[in-house]
Amino acid sequence: MKIMRKINKLQINELKDFKDIFDRLLEYVFDDKKILIAVSGWPDSMFLSVLIYNYFIQNQLDLNNLFFIHCNHKTRKETEEEQKFIKEFFDWLNLNITIYSRNEKKTENSLRNWRYGEFQKIIDQNHIDYILTWHNLTDRIESSFMNVFRGSGLNGFLSMKFIDQSPLLQNVKTIRPLLSFTKIQIEDFCSKFKIPFFIDQSNLDSTTSLRNKIRLELFPQFEQLSNSKGSFYQSMFNIYSELENQEEQSFWNLIEIRKSAYWNSNYAFLRDIPLPKISQNIILQVLKKLNLSSNITEKTLNDLYAFFQNSKQGHKYINGTYFFLSHSKIYIIKAKENFWKKHIEKSIIINKLWKLEVWKEIVSVDNSDTIWLKIRYPKSWDKIWNKTWSKYCINKQIPIFWRNFIPVIVSSNNILKYFYSQ
């Protein structure tokens, strides 16, 4: 591996080429979400690091929530030089990067386990929400072919997705923002924006691995047989997109939503879908996806289908999971029965202006008129703007399962301010 160029000033001023990626990231990476990126020093990881750095800047996100890690396996003589270079690069960007080294030469499997073990430490210590990886379209196609050669089905073919759960990491999801770009495109981006990187010479030897053989020997033949340059990769990208669209239509696009600490829920999802499009088959697929299909009778399925078709508000409780219908949206929350009726008996007197975590909710008290008033959770008799709290929540389209878990500032029984975000 060798250094391709010295550190130069970054030149990513126009980000229109990456607007689709940024728009998709906004569904997951926002506000105080914490992100971890593993840095190898190769083109894809360096480009991803710079791209996400610019994403944070453009969206005015806190850079303290952006974490980087480099694991030096010390399997080659160049790794010390690479480690030093990576450290200087991130210091130049004023970004913190954690570096781990390992002296023992072990098998590839043991090194991977060690590497992911260090990832898990960072994830647990900093409460990371997502780990972003540099996997690209070329990597995805390689993995698809490798899995096909091993006899896999459709799941193996679609093994890399934009977001999923890594089997090697706990309490975090994996996002792969670069799946629409090939390795060559990413190297071109690095050249265009003067992003430094290393080249791993072992990746240029087709005898070292099946992956290398596929990329260096098989893919060039496909490209040679294609009608035009890049059409093979574009066709594969189109196939992935079509298959994923079909999968989403079959299984719904379940979006994770924020949970209250007092729900004691395992998961909470939202699906915003035109209700007339929901079929019994779609409902059954969702139940299977969430492992709720055991002991489901035809009557239960019919009842749930009728509920979605005929109701405007309400809920159903099936196998320990609630299906709430609220303002044309379906919420799926796995929690104990009647969890949403629970009342929290906690209160605190405001004695200063601050922004901090109160009962696991972030609240900002910025009005001096609220000094010596009380923050607590709502009561059934509370009023806001001459309306009952329940009536107000209906008008504001706040789902019923949130109404008892929203911190409020009160004067007597009048709510002056509440802290709610979904």
Protein backbone atom coordinates (compact mmCIF):
# COMPACT_ATOMS: atom_id res chain seq x y z
CA MET A 1 0.00 0.00 0.00
CA LYS A 2 1.29 3.46 -0.80
CA ILE A 3 0.24 7.08 -0.27
CA MET A 4 -1.29 8.46 -3.46
CA ARG A 5 -0.94 12.13 -2.58
CA LYS A 6 -0.33 14.53 0.29
CA ILE A 7 -3.10 16.27 2.18
CA ASN A 8 -4.56 19.12 0.14
CA LYS A 9 -7.40 21.50 0.87
CA LEU A 10 -10.77 19.84 0.31
CA GLN A 11 -12.73 21.09 -2.66
CA ILE A 12 -16.23 19.69 -2.10
CA ASN A 13 -18.15 22.91 -2.58
CA GLU A 14 -20.88 21.59 -4.86
CA LEU A 15 -22.65 18.54 -3.49
CA LYS A 16 -25.36 18.14 -6.12
CA ASP A 17 -23.90 14.79 -7.23
CA PHE A 18 -24.69 13.45 -3.77
CA LYS A 19 -28.10 15.04 -3.17
CA ASP A 20 -29.93 11.70 -3.41
CA ILE A 21 -27.61 10.21 -0.79
CA PHE A 22 -28.02 13.21 1.52
CA ASP A 23 -31.82 13.14 1.14
CA ARG A 24 -31.90 9.47 2.06
CA LEU A 25 -29.57 9.96 5.01
CA LEU A 26 -31.91 12.63 6.37
CA GLU A 27 -34.40 9.85 7.15
CA TYR A 28 -31.95 8.45 9.70
CA VAL A 29 -29.10 10.86 10.48
CA PHE A 30 -30.49 14.04 12.04
CA ASP A 31 -30.54 16.05 15.27
CA ASP A 32 -28.41 14.27 17.89
CA LYS A 33 -27.95 10.95 16.10
CA LYS A 34 -24.45 9.56 16.64
CA ILE A 35 -22.51 8.07 13.75
CA LEU A 36 -19.43 5.83 13.60
CA ILE A 37 -17.27 5.41 10.47
CA ALA A 38 -14.47 2.86 10.21
CA VAL A 39 -11.50 4.25 8.28
CA SER A 40 -9.10 1.96 6.42
CA GLY A 41 -7.34 4.68 4.47
CA TRP A 42 -8.46 3.23 1.13
CA PRO A 43 -10.39 5.40 -1.38
CA ASP A 44 -13.91 4.33 -0.39
CA SER A 45 -13.48 4.87 3.36
CA MET A 46 -11.66 8.20 2.90
CA PHE A 47 -14.30 9.45 0.47
CA LEU A 48 -17.12 8.36 2.78
CA SER A 49 -15.48 10.14 5.72
CA VAL A 50 -15.18 13.42 3.80
CA LEU A 51 -18.68 13.07 2.33
CA ILE A 52 -20.32 12.54 5.73
CA TYR A 53 -18.22 15.35 7.23
CA ASN A 54 -19.71 17.65 4.57
CA TYR A 55 -23.18 16.21 5.20
CA PHE A 56 -22.86 17.21 8.87
CA ILE A 57 -21.64 20.69 7.93
CA GLN A 58 -24.39 21.24 5.35
CA ASN A 59 -27.14 20.15 7.74
CA GLN A 60 -25.61 21.99 10.72
CA LEU A 61 -25.25 18.83 12.77
CA ASP A 62 -22.98 18.58 15.79
CA LEU A 63 -19.56 17.24 14.70
CA ASN A 64 -19.10 15.87 18.20
CA ASN A 65 -21.64 13.21 17.18
CA LEU A 66 -19.38 12.04 14.34
CA PHE A 67 -16.95 9.31 15.41
CA PHE A 68 -14.14 7.66 13.43
CA ILE A 69 -12.11 4.55 14.15
CA HIS A 70 -9.04 3.03 12.49
CA CYS A 71 -7.86 -0.50 13.33
CA ASN A 72 -4.22 -1.20 12.48
CA HIS A 73 -3.82 -4.95 12.01
CA LYS A 74 -0.01 -4.58 11.63
CA THR A 75 0.02 -7.32 9.01
CA ARG A 76 2.17 -5.24 6.60
CA LYS A 77 5.21 -3.01 7.04
CA GLU A 78 3.34 0.00 5.60
CA THR A 79 0.66 0.08 8.31
CA GLU A 80 2.61 2.35 10.69
CA GLU A 81 3.05 4.95 7.96
CA GLU A 82 -0.63 4.64 7.02
CA GLN A 83 -1.74 5.03 10.64
CA LYS A 84 0.36 8.18 11.05
CA PHE A 85 -1.02 9.65 7.82
CA ILE A 86 -4.66 8.94 8.78
CA LYS A 87 -4.12 10.54 12.20
CA GLU A 88 -2.63 13.69 10.60
CA PHE A 89 -5.49 13.90 8.10
CA PHE A 90 -8.25 13.78 10.74
CA ASP A 91 -6.33 16.14 13.03
CA TRP A 92 -6.21 18.57 10.07
CA LEU A 93 -10.02 18.34 9.81
CA ASN A 94 -10.31 18.81 13.60
CA LEU A 95 -12.08 15.45 13.83
CA ASN A 96 -11.37 12.90 16.54
CA ILE A 97 -10.38 9.42 15.42
CA THR A 98 -9.76 6.47 17.71
CA ILE A 99 -6.89 4.22 16.64
CA TYR A 100 -6.36 0.65 17.80
CA SER A 101 -3.34 -1.52 17.01
CA ARG A 102 -2.78 -5.26 17.26
CA ASN A 103 0.67 -6.82 17.08
CA GLU A 104 -0.20 -10.49 16.76
CA LYS A 105 -0.51 -11.93 13.29
CA LYS A 106 -3.69 -13.99 13.33
CA THR A 107 -6.11 -15.41 10.80
CA GLU A 108 -8.37 -13.13 8.78
CA ASN A 109 -11.34 -14.37 10.83
CA SER A 110 -9.71 -13.56 14.18
CA LEU A 111 -8.65 -10.12 12.93
CA ARG A 112 -12.24 -9.41 11.83
CA ASN A 113 -13.57 -10.48 15.23
CA TRP A 114 -11.01 -8.24 16.96
CA ARG A 115 -11.89 -5.32 14.67
CA TYR A 116 -15.62 -5.65 15.29
CA GLY A 117 -14.96 -6.02 18.99
CA GLU A 118 -13.29 -2.58 18.97
CA PHE A 119 -16.23 -1.19 16.98
CA GLN A 120 -18.59 -2.53 19.65
CA LYS A 121 -16.62 -0.78 22.41
CA ILE A 122 -16.99 2.59 20.67
CA ILE A 123 -20.68 1.90 19.99
CA ASP A 124 -21.43 1.03 23.62
CA GLN A 125 -19.32 3.80 25.18
CA ASN A 126 -20.81 6.57 23.02
CA HIS A 127 -24.34 5.23 22.41
CA ILE A 128 -23.82 5.17 18.65
CA ASP A 129 -27.02 5.04 16.57
CA TYR A 130 -25.58 3.98 13.20
CA ILE A 131 -22.32 2.68 11.81
CA LEU A 132 -21.71 3.85 8.24
CA THR A 133 -19.63 1.57 6.02
CA TRP A 134 -17.86 2.27 2.73
CA HIS A 135 -19.30 -0.69 0.79
CA ASN A 136 -20.00 0.36 -2.80
CA LEU A 137 -21.72 -0.99 -5.90
CA THR A 138 -18.66 -2.99 -6.96
CA ASP A 139 -18.48 -4.62 -3.51
CA ARG A 140 -22.18 -5.42 -3.66
CA ILE A 141 -21.97 -7.09 -7.07
CA GLU A 142 -18.91 -9.07 -5.97
CA SER A 143 -20.78 -10.30 -2.88
CA SER A 144 -23.80 -11.23 -4.99
CA PHE A 145 -21.68 -13.35 -7.33
CA MET A 146 -19.82 -14.96 -4.44
CA ASN A 147 -23.11 -15.90 -2.77
CA VAL A 148 -24.55 -17.19 -6.05
CA PHE A 149 -21.46 -19.39 -6.54
CA ARG A 150 -22.12 -20.77 -3.06
CA GLY A 151 -25.71 -21.65 -3.97
CA SER A 152 -27.59 -18.80 -2.27
CA GLY A 153 -31.07 -17.55 -3.16
CA LEU A 154 -32.49 -14.03 -3.45
CA ASN A 155 -31.56 -13.04 0.12
CA GLY A 156 -27.91 -13.85 -0.58
CA PHE A 157 -28.04 -11.95 -3.86
CA LEU A 158 -29.38 -8.88 -2.03
CA SER A 159 -27.02 -9.30 0.93
CA MET A 160 -25.90 -5.66 1.01
CA LYS A 161 -28.66 -3.11 1.54
CA PHE A 162 -28.70 0.60 2.27
CA ILE A 163 -29.67 -0.10 5.88
CA ASP A 164 -29.83 -3.32 7.86
CA GLN A 165 -28.72 -4.97 11.08
CA SER A 166 -25.17 -6.33 11.23
CA PRO A 167 -24.95 -9.85 12.71
CA LEU A 168 -21.56 -8.93 14.21
CA LEU A 169 -22.67 -5.78 16.10
CA GLN A 170 -25.25 -5.14 18.80
CA ASN A 171 -27.47 -2.09 19.45
CA VAL A 172 -26.64 -0.41 16.14
CA LYS A 173 -27.72 -0.50 12.52
CA THR A 174 -25.49 -0.40 9.45
CA ILE A 175 -25.95 2.21 6.70
CA ARG A 176 -24.13 1.91 3.36
CA PRO A 177 -24.42 5.31 1.61
CA LEU A 178 -22.12 4.47 -1.34
CA LEU A 179 -24.01 1.55 -2.89
CA SER A 180 -24.83 3.57 -6.03
CA PHE A 181 -21.14 4.18 -6.91
CA THR A 182 -18.51 1.81 -8.29
CA LYS A 183 -14.95 1.64 -6.95
CA ILE A 184 -13.69 3.43 -10.06
CA GLN A 185 -16.20 6.26 -9.61
CA ILE A 186 -15.14 6.68 -5.99
CA GLU A 187 -11.46 6.86 -6.95
CA ASP A 188 -12.42 9.49 -9.53
CA PHE A 189 -14.23 11.48 -6.80
CA CYS A 190 -11.12 11.30 -4.62
CA SER A 191 -9.03 12.66 -7.49
CA LYS A 192 -11.55 15.40 -8.28
CA PHE A 193 -11.82 16.59 -4.68
CA LYS A 194 -8.17 15.92 -3.81
CA ILE A 195 -8.97 13.45 -1.05
CA PRO A 196 -5.84 11.48 -0.08
CA PHE A 197 -5.95 7.67 0.08
CA PHE A 198 -3.86 4.51 0.02
CA ILE A 199 -3.87 1.61 -2.42
CA ASP A 200 -3.72 -1.92 -1.00
CA GLN A 201 -1.50 -3.78 -3.45
CA SER A 202 -2.93 -7.14 -2.32
CA ASN A 203 -6.26 -6.13 -3.88
CA LEU A 204 -4.57 -6.07 -7.28
CA ASP A 205 -3.65 -9.77 -7.14
CA SER A 206 -6.40 -12.07 -8.46
CA THR A 207 -4.80 -15.13 -6.84
CA THR A 208 -5.28 -13.94 -3.25
CA SER A 209 -9.08 -14.32 -3.01
CA LEU A 210 -12.25 -15.27 -4.87
CA ARG A 211 -13.43 -11.66 -4.53
CA ASN A 212 -10.31 -10.37 -6.29
CA LYS A 213 -10.68 -12.98 -9.02
CA ILE A 214 -14.28 -11.92 -9.66
CA ARG A 215 -13.41 -8.22 -9.76
CA LEU A 216 -10.14 -8.45 -11.72
CA GLU A 217 -10.91 -11.28 -14.17
CA LEU A 218 -14.67 -11.85 -14.44
CA PHE A 219 -16.01 -8.28 -14.41
CA PRO A 220 -13.68 -6.99 -17.18
CA GLN A 221 -15.03 -9.75 -19.43
CA PHE A 222 -18.61 -8.67 -18.68
CA GLU A 223 -17.65 -5.07 -19.42
CA GLN A 224 -16.03 -6.13 -22.69
CA LEU A 225 -19.23 -7.93 -23.76
CA SER A 226 -21.47 -5.00 -22.78
CA ASN A 227 -22.93 -2.55 -25.26
CA SER A 228 -21.23 0.44 -23.67
CA LYS A 229 -18.80 1.31 -20.89
CA GLY A 230 -20.39 0.97 -17.49
CA SER A 231 -23.59 -0.65 -18.75
CA PHE A 232 -22.89 -3.87 -16.81
CA TYR A 233 -22.69 -1.98 -13.50
CA GLN A 234 -25.71 0.16 -14.40
CA SER A 235 -27.75 -2.95 -15.21
CA MET A 236 -26.81 -4.55 -11.89
CA PHE A 237 -27.75 -1.34 -10.07
CA ASN A 238 -31.14 -1.33 -11.84
CA ILE A 239 -31.73 -4.98 -10.88
CA TYR A 240 -31.01 -4.23 -7.20
CA SER A 241 -33.34 -1.21 -7.28
CA GLU A 242 -36.21 -3.14 -8.88
CA LEU A 243 -35.87 -6.08 -6.48
CA GLU A 244 -35.75 -3.77 -3.46
CA ASN A 245 -38.82 -1.87 -4.65
CA GLN A 246 -40.69 -5.16 -4.97
CA GLU A 247 -39.52 -6.18 -1.51
CA GLU A 248 -40.67 -2.88 0.00
CA GLN A 249 -44.09 -3.24 -1.58
CA SER A 250 -44.38 -6.74 -0.12
CA PHE A 251 -43.11 -6.01 3.38
CA TRP A 252 -43.95 -2.31 3.85
CA ASN A 253 -41.29 0.22 4.57
CA LEU A 254 -41.19 0.15 8.36
CA ILE A 255 -39.60 3.29 9.75
CA GLU A 256 -38.23 3.23 13.28
CA ILE A 257 -39.66 5.92 15.51
CA ARG A 258 -38.51 7.35 18.80
CA LYS A 259 -39.64 5.44 21.89
CA SER A 260 -40.39 6.73 25.36
CA ALA A 261 -38.21 5.21 28.04
CA TYR A 262 -41.40 4.46 29.97
CA TRP A 263 -42.96 2.29 27.29
CA ASN A 264 -40.52 -0.58 27.96
CA SER A 265 -41.02 -1.49 24.32
CA ASN A 266 -38.80 -3.72 22.19
CA TYR A 267 -39.48 -1.85 18.96
CA ALA A 268 -41.63 0.91 17.51
CA PHE A 269 -42.32 1.50 13.82
CA LEU A 270 -44.34 3.83 11.64
CA ARG A 271 -45.79 3.03 8.23
CA ASP A 272 -47.29 5.88 6.27
CA ILE A 273 -49.22 4.09 3.48
CA PRO A 274 -52.56 4.76 1.75
CA LEU A 275 -54.84 2.42 3.67
CA PRO A 276 -56.81 1.21 0.61
CA LYS A 277 -53.58 -0.34 -0.71
CA ILE A 278 -53.23 -2.64 2.30
CA SER A 279 -54.19 -6.23 1.51
CA GLN A 280 -54.48 -9.25 3.74
CA ASN A 281 -51.35 -10.65 2.12
CA ILE A 282 -49.37 -7.49 2.98
CA ILE A 283 -50.59 -7.71 6.58
CA LEU A 284 -49.53 -11.35 6.77
CA GLN A 285 -46.07 -10.51 5.36
CA VAL A 286 -45.60 -7.81 8.02
CA LEU A 287 -46.64 -10.21 10.78
CA LYS A 288 -44.10 -12.72 9.48
CA LYS A 289 -41.39 -10.08 9.27
CA LEU A 290 -41.97 -9.14 12.91
CA ASN A 291 -42.25 -12.81 14.01
CA LEU A 292 -45.90 -12.30 14.97
CA SER A 293 -47.50 -14.81 12.62
CA SER A 294 -47.58 -17.79 14.99
CA ASN A 295 -51.09 -18.69 16.18
CA ILE A 296 -52.62 -16.12 13.81
CA THR A 297 -56.04 -17.38 12.74
CA GLU A 298 -57.94 -16.39 9.63
CA LYS A 299 -60.41 -14.54 11.84
CA THR A 300 -57.60 -12.46 13.42
CA LEU A 301 -56.26 -11.62 9.99
CA ASN A 302 -59.73 -10.62 8.77
CA ASP A 303 -60.30 -8.47 11.85
CA LEU A 304 -57.00 -6.65 11.39
CA TYR A 305 -57.70 -6.08 7.71
CA ALA A 306 -61.18 -4.71 8.49
CA PHE A 307 -59.68 -2.48 11.18
CA PHE A 308 -57.27 -0.86 8.71
CA GLN A 309 -59.96 -0.47 6.06
CA ASN A 310 -62.83 0.84 8.17
CA SER A 311 -61.32 2.68 11.13
CA LYS A 312 -59.92 6.19 11.42
CA GLN A 313 -58.48 5.88 14.93
CA GLY A 314 -57.95 3.03 17.35
CA HIS A 315 -55.70 0.08 18.10
CA LYS A 316 -55.39 -3.69 17.93
CA TYR A 317 -53.24 -5.87 20.21
CA ILE A 318 -51.80 -9.02 18.62
CA ASN A 319 -49.18 -11.36 20.09
CA GLY A 320 -47.78 -8.71 22.42
CA THR A 321 -47.71 -5.98 19.76
CA TYR A 322 -49.97 -2.95 19.29
CA PHE A 323 -51.15 -1.73 15.89
CA PHE A 324 -52.25 1.88 16.36
CA LEU A 325 -54.16 3.71 13.66
CA SER A 326 -53.76 7.47 13.97
CA HIS A 327 -54.40 10.14 11.32
CA SER A 328 -53.96 7.73 8.38
CA LYS A 329 -50.71 6.36 9.80
CA ILE A 330 -50.06 2.93 11.24
CA TYR A 331 -47.81 2.61 14.28
CA ILE A 332 -46.50 -0.77 15.38
CA ILE A 333 -45.21 -0.97 18.96
CA LYS A 334 -44.19 -4.10 20.85
CA ALA A 335 -44.94 -3.43 24.52
CA LYS A 336 -47.01 -4.61 27.46
CA GLU A 337 -50.77 -4.38 27.29
CA ASN A 338 -52.18 -0.91 28.08
CA PHE A 339 -48.67 0.57 28.32
CA TRP A 340 -49.97 3.83 26.84
CA LYS A 341 -52.42 4.37 29.71
CA LYS A 342 -49.62 4.60 32.27
CA HIS A 343 -49.32 7.88 34.23
CA ILE A 344 -45.89 9.10 35.33
CA GLU A 345 -45.84 10.70 38.77
CA LYS A 346 -42.76 12.90 38.52
CA SER A 347 -42.29 16.64 38.78
CA ILE A 348 -39.50 19.18 39.12
CA ILE A 349 -39.47 22.88 40.00
CA ILE A 350 -37.79 25.14 37.45
CA ASN A 351 -35.16 27.21 39.24
CA LYS A 352 -32.98 28.24 36.29
CA LEU A 353 -32.89 28.42 32.50
CA TRP A 354 -31.26 25.33 30.99
CA LYS A 355 -31.24 22.67 28.33
CA LEU A 356 -30.74 19.18 29.64
CA GLU A 357 -32.09 15.68 29.93
CA VAL A 358 -35.09 15.44 32.25
CA TRP A 359 -36.47 11.95 32.77
CA LYS A 360 -34.73 10.80 29.56
CA GLU A 361 -36.30 13.63 27.50
CA ILE A 362 -34.34 16.63 26.23
CA VAL A 363 -36.10 19.82 27.31
CA SER A 364 -35.06 23.44 26.88
CA VAL A 365 -36.28 26.02 29.37
CA ASP A 366 -35.54 29.43 27.86
CA ASN A 367 -38.29 31.70 29.22
CA SER A 368 -37.63 33.48 32.50
CA ASP A 369 -41.40 33.66 33.11
CA THR A 370 -41.37 29.91 33.80
CA ILE A 371 -38.99 30.18 36.77
CA TRP A 372 -40.50 28.49 39.84
CA LEU A 373 -43.13 26.77 37.75
CA LYS A 374 -43.32 22.99 37.54
CA ILE A 375 -42.35 20.46 34.89
CA ARG A 376 -44.28 17.19 35.08
CA TYR A 377 -46.21 14.75 32.95
CA PRO A 378 -49.80 15.54 31.88
CA LYS A 379 -52.90 14.86 33.96
CA SER A 380 -56.33 14.11 32.53
CA TRP A 381 -57.70 17.39 33.89
CA ASP A 382 -54.94 19.61 32.44
CA LYS A 383 -55.93 22.28 29.91
CA ILE A 384 -54.04 24.09 27.17
CA TRP A 385 -55.48 27.08 25.26
CA ASN A 386 -58.88 26.44 26.89
CA LYS A 387 -58.94 22.88 25.59
CA THR A 388 -58.44 19.65 27.44
CA TRP A 389 -55.03 18.08 26.89
CA SER A 390 -56.68 15.12 25.13
CA LYS A 391 -58.64 17.36 22.76
CA TYR A 392 -55.56 19.44 22.03
CA CYS A 393 -53.52 16.32 21.19
CA ILE A 394 -56.21 15.18 18.77
CA ASN A 395 -56.12 18.54 16.98
CA LYS A 396 -52.31 18.44 16.86
CA GLN A 397 -52.34 14.83 15.61
CA ILE A 398 -50.33 13.57 18.57
CA PRO A 399 -50.92 9.78 18.79
CA ILE A 400 -52.68 8.49 21.88
CA PHE A 401 -49.68 6.40 22.95
CA TRP A 402 -47.55 9.56 23.37
CA ARG A 403 -49.96 11.77 25.29
CA ASN A 404 -49.09 10.64 28.82
CA PHE A 405 -45.33 10.67 28.18
CA ILE A 406 -44.71 14.27 27.13
CA PRO A 407 -43.07 16.60 29.71
CA VAL A 408 -45.10 19.79 30.20
CA ILE A 409 -44.61 23.09 32.03
CA VAL A 410 -47.69 23.91 34.07
CA SER A 411 -49.12 26.75 36.06
CA SER A 412 -51.79 25.25 38.29
CA ASN A 413 -53.48 22.90 35.80
CA ASN A 414 -52.76 25.00 32.71
CA ILE A 415 -50.11 23.72 30.31
CA LEU A 416 -47.87 26.57 29.13
CA LYS A 417 -45.40 24.51 27.11
CA TYR A 418 -44.87 20.89 26.16
CA PHE A 419 -41.85 18.98 24.80
CA TYR A 420 -42.85 16.60 22.04
CA SER A 421 -40.97 15.31 19.02
CA GLN A 422 -41.63 12.07 17.17
